[in-house]
Amino acid sequence: MKTMTCKQLGGACDMKFHANSFEEIAEQSKKHGMEMFQAGDKAHLAAMNKMQELMKSQDAMTKWFNDKRKEFDSLPDSI
């Protein structure tokens, strides 16, 4: 099991996510982002706006996703 924070995944806080795969951790981050969106958290909304800009370019989004997957894969087991 590995750990990444919201900030490591492009978010705005130090909340930790734990998962065995990058897909699992990405899903946890997405759920957290939706909760922060519904709560109107300004810091997370700003981070989401940056991600939306990134998503306008398929190449940039693919590179970001691949870089984050490599970062996840390189992390030591945390639990």
N, C-alpha and C. Protein backbone atom coordinates (compact mmCIF):
# COMPACT_ATOMS: atom_id res chain seq x y z
N MET A 1 0.84 -1.17 0.00
CA MET A 1 0.00 0.00 0.00
C MET A 1 0.90 1.24 0.00
N LYS A 2 0.51 2.23 -0.78
CA LYS A 2 1.29 3.46 -0.90
C LYS A 2 0.41 4.65 -0.53
N THR A 3 1.07 5.75 -0.21
CA THR A 3 0.37 6.95 0.24
C THR A 3 0.77 8.14 -0.63
N MET A 4 -0.22 8.93 -1.02
CA MET A 4 0.02 10.21 -1.70
C MET A 4 -0.94 11.22 -1.09
N THR A 5 -0.53 12.48 -1.13
CA THR A 5 -1.39 13.53 -0.59
C THR A 5 -2.19 14.19 -1.71
N CYS A 6 -3.18 14.91 -1.27
CA CYS A 6 -3.99 15.70 -2.20
C CYS A 6 -3.08 16.62 -3.02
N LYS A 7 -2.14 17.30 -2.34
CA LYS A 7 -1.21 18.20 -3.04
C LYS A 7 -0.39 17.47 -4.09
N GLN A 8 0.09 16.27 -3.76
CA GLN A 8 0.89 15.51 -4.72
C GLN A 8 0.09 15.19 -5.98
N LEU A 9 -1.22 15.13 -5.83
CA LEU A 9 -2.09 14.80 -6.95
C LEU A 9 -2.73 16.03 -7.58
N GLY A 10 -2.16 17.19 -7.30
CA GLY A 10 -2.63 18.42 -7.92
C GLY A 10 -3.66 19.17 -7.11
N GLY A 11 -3.94 18.71 -5.90
CA GLY A 11 -4.94 19.34 -5.06
C GLY A 11 -4.38 20.43 -4.18
N ALA A 12 -5.10 20.70 -3.09
CA ALA A 12 -4.78 21.87 -2.28
C ALA A 12 -4.50 21.59 -0.81
N CYS A 13 -4.53 20.34 -0.40
CA CYS A 13 -4.35 20.08 1.03
C CYS A 13 -3.44 18.87 1.26
N ASP A 14 -3.24 18.58 2.53
CA ASP A 14 -2.34 17.49 2.90
C ASP A 14 -3.06 16.20 3.25
N MET A 15 -4.33 16.09 2.86
CA MET A 15 -5.07 14.86 3.12
C MET A 15 -4.33 13.70 2.45
N LYS A 16 -4.21 12.59 3.17
CA LYS A 16 -3.49 11.43 2.65
C LYS A 16 -4.46 10.38 2.12
N PHE A 17 -4.08 9.83 0.97
CA PHE A 17 -4.82 8.74 0.36
C PHE A 17 -3.92 7.51 0.36
N HIS A 18 -4.48 6.36 0.65
CA HIS A 18 -3.72 5.11 0.70
C HIS A 18 -4.35 4.12 -0.28
N ALA A 19 -3.51 3.49 -1.10
CA ALA A 19 -4.04 2.54 -2.08
C ALA A 19 -2.94 1.60 -2.56
N ASN A 20 -3.38 0.52 -3.17
CA ASN A 20 -2.46 -0.45 -3.75
C ASN A 20 -2.16 -0.17 -5.21
N SER A 21 -2.97 0.67 -5.85
CA SER A 21 -2.74 0.99 -7.26
C SER A 21 -2.97 2.48 -7.49
N PHE A 22 -2.37 2.98 -8.56
CA PHE A 22 -2.55 4.39 -8.89
C PHE A 22 -4.02 4.68 -9.20
N GLU A 23 -4.69 3.74 -9.85
CA GLU A 23 -6.11 3.95 -10.18
C GLU A 23 -6.95 4.13 -8.92
N GLU A 24 -6.65 3.34 -7.89
CA GLU A 24 -7.39 3.46 -6.63
C GLU A 24 -7.15 4.82 -5.98
N ILE A 25 -5.90 5.25 -5.97
CA ILE A 25 -5.58 6.52 -5.33
C ILE A 25 -6.18 7.68 -6.12
N ALA A 26 -6.19 7.56 -7.44
CA ALA A 26 -6.79 8.60 -8.27
C ALA A 26 -8.29 8.69 -8.00
N GLU A 27 -8.94 7.56 -7.80
CA GLU A 27 -10.38 7.55 -7.51
C GLU A 27 -10.66 8.20 -6.16
N GLN A 28 -9.82 7.92 -5.17
CA GLN A 28 -9.98 8.54 -3.85
C GLN A 28 -9.81 10.06 -3.95
N SER A 29 -8.82 10.47 -4.73
CA SER A 29 -8.57 11.90 -4.92
C SER A 29 -9.75 12.57 -5.61
N LYS A 30 -10.30 11.90 -6.61
CA LYS A 30 -11.45 12.43 -7.34
C LYS A 30 -12.65 12.60 -6.40
N LYS A 31 -12.89 11.61 -5.55
CA LYS A 31 -14.00 11.68 -4.60
C LYS A 31 -13.79 12.85 -3.63
N HIS A 32 -12.57 12.99 -3.14
CA HIS A 32 -12.24 14.09 -2.24
C HIS A 32 -12.46 15.43 -2.94
N GLY A 33 -12.02 15.51 -4.18
CA GLY A 33 -12.20 16.74 -4.95
C GLY A 33 -13.68 17.10 -5.12
N MET A 34 -14.50 16.10 -5.36
CA MET A 34 -15.94 16.35 -5.50
C MET A 34 -16.53 16.85 -4.18
N GLU A 35 -16.07 16.28 -3.07
CA GLU A 35 -16.54 16.73 -1.76
C GLU A 35 -16.13 18.18 -1.50
N MET A 36 -14.90 18.51 -1.86
CA MET A 36 -14.41 19.88 -1.66
C MET A 36 -15.13 20.86 -2.59
N PHE A 37 -15.46 20.41 -3.79
CA PHE A 37 -16.22 21.23 -4.73
C PHE A 37 -17.59 21.55 -4.14
N GLN A 38 -18.26 20.53 -3.63
CA GLN A 38 -19.59 20.71 -3.04
C GLN A 38 -19.53 21.61 -1.81
N ALA A 39 -18.41 21.55 -1.08
CA ALA A 39 -18.25 22.39 0.11
C ALA A 39 -17.85 23.82 -0.26
N GLY A 40 -17.49 24.04 -1.53
CA GLY A 40 -17.09 25.36 -1.98
C GLY A 40 -15.72 25.79 -1.48
N ASP A 41 -14.84 24.82 -1.22
CA ASP A 41 -13.50 25.11 -0.71
C ASP A 41 -12.70 25.87 -1.77
N LYS A 42 -12.34 27.11 -1.46
CA LYS A 42 -11.70 27.97 -2.46
C LYS A 42 -10.35 27.46 -2.93
N ALA A 43 -9.55 26.92 -2.03
CA ALA A 43 -8.23 26.42 -2.42
C ALA A 43 -8.37 25.24 -3.38
N HIS A 44 -9.30 24.35 -3.10
CA HIS A 44 -9.51 23.21 -3.99
C HIS A 44 -10.13 23.64 -5.31
N LEU A 45 -11.01 24.63 -5.27
CA LEU A 45 -11.60 25.13 -6.52
C LEU A 45 -10.51 25.71 -7.42
N ALA A 46 -9.55 26.42 -6.84
CA ALA A 46 -8.44 26.97 -7.63
C ALA A 46 -7.61 25.84 -8.23
N ALA A 47 -7.35 24.79 -7.45
CA ALA A 47 -6.59 23.64 -7.96
C ALA A 47 -7.36 22.96 -9.09
N MET A 48 -8.67 22.87 -8.94
CA MET A 48 -9.50 22.25 -9.99
C MET A 48 -9.45 23.06 -11.28
N ASN A 49 -9.43 24.38 -11.15
CA ASN A 49 -9.33 25.23 -12.34
C ASN A 49 -8.03 24.98 -13.08
N LYS A 50 -6.93 24.78 -12.34
CA LYS A 50 -5.65 24.47 -12.97
C LYS A 50 -5.73 23.13 -13.71
N MET A 51 -6.38 22.16 -13.09
CA MET A 51 -6.52 20.85 -13.72
C MET A 51 -7.39 20.95 -14.98
N GLN A 52 -8.42 21.77 -14.94
CA GLN A 52 -9.27 21.94 -16.12
C GLN A 52 -8.48 22.53 -17.28
N GLU A 53 -7.57 23.45 -16.99
CA GLU A 53 -6.72 24.01 -18.03
C GLU A 53 -5.83 22.93 -18.63
N LEU A 54 -5.28 22.10 -17.76
CA LEU A 54 -4.43 21.00 -18.20
C LEU A 54 -5.20 20.03 -19.09
N MET A 55 -6.45 19.80 -18.75
CA MET A 55 -7.27 18.84 -19.48
C MET A 55 -7.62 19.31 -20.89
N LYS A 56 -7.41 20.57 -21.18
CA LYS A 56 -7.69 21.09 -22.52
C LYS A 56 -6.74 20.50 -23.56
N SER A 57 -5.59 20.03 -23.11
CA SER A 57 -4.62 19.42 -24.00
C SER A 57 -4.50 17.94 -23.66
N GLN A 58 -4.89 17.08 -24.59
CA GLN A 58 -4.81 15.64 -24.36
C GLN A 58 -3.38 15.21 -24.06
N ASP A 59 -2.41 15.79 -24.78
CA ASP A 59 -1.01 15.44 -24.56
C ASP A 59 -0.55 15.84 -23.17
N ALA A 60 -0.92 17.04 -22.75
CA ALA A 60 -0.52 17.52 -21.42
C ALA A 60 -1.16 16.67 -20.33
N MET A 61 -2.41 16.30 -20.50
CA MET A 61 -3.10 15.50 -19.50
C MET A 61 -2.49 14.10 -19.43
N THR A 62 -2.18 13.52 -20.57
CA THR A 62 -1.56 12.20 -20.60
C THR A 62 -0.20 12.24 -19.92
N LYS A 63 0.59 13.28 -20.21
CA LYS A 63 1.90 13.41 -19.58
C LYS A 63 1.74 13.55 -18.08
N TRP A 64 0.81 14.38 -17.62
CA TRP A 64 0.59 14.56 -16.18
C TRP A 64 0.22 13.23 -15.53
N PHE A 65 -0.72 12.53 -16.15
CA PHE A 65 -1.18 11.25 -15.61
C PHE A 65 -0.03 10.25 -15.54
N ASN A 66 0.76 10.16 -16.59
CA ASN A 66 1.89 9.23 -16.62
C ASN A 66 2.95 9.60 -15.58
N ASP A 67 3.21 10.91 -15.42
CA ASP A 67 4.17 11.37 -14.42
C ASP A 67 3.70 11.01 -13.02
N LYS A 68 2.42 11.21 -12.73
CA LYS A 68 1.88 10.89 -11.41
C LYS A 68 1.89 9.38 -11.16
N ARG A 69 1.63 8.60 -12.19
CA ARG A 69 1.70 7.14 -12.05
C ARG A 69 3.13 6.71 -11.72
N LYS A 70 4.11 7.31 -12.41
CA LYS A 70 5.52 6.99 -12.13
C LYS A 70 5.88 7.39 -10.70
N GLU A 71 5.40 8.55 -10.27
CA GLU A 71 5.65 9.00 -8.90
C GLU A 71 5.06 8.00 -7.90
N PHE A 72 3.82 7.57 -8.14
CA PHE A 72 3.19 6.58 -7.28
C PHE A 72 4.00 5.29 -7.26
N ASP A 73 4.38 4.81 -8.43
CA ASP A 73 5.13 3.54 -8.53
C ASP A 73 6.47 3.61 -7.81
N SER A 74 7.08 4.79 -7.75
CA SER A 74 8.39 4.93 -7.13
C SER A 74 8.31 5.09 -5.61
N LEU A 75 7.13 5.29 -5.08
CA LEU A 75 6.97 5.47 -3.63
C LEU A 75 7.20 4.15 -2.89
N PRO A 76 7.76 4.24 -1.69
CA PRO A 76 7.89 3.03 -0.88
C PRO A 76 6.51 2.64 -0.31
N ASP A 77 6.38 1.40 0.05
CA ASP A 77 5.14 0.99 0.72
C ASP A 77 5.05 1.73 2.04
N SER A 78 3.86 2.23 2.35
CA SER A 78 3.68 3.05 3.54
C SER A 78 2.94 2.34 4.65
N ILE A 79 2.24 1.29 4.32
CA ILE A 79 1.46 0.58 5.35
C ILE A 79 1.74 -0.90 5.22
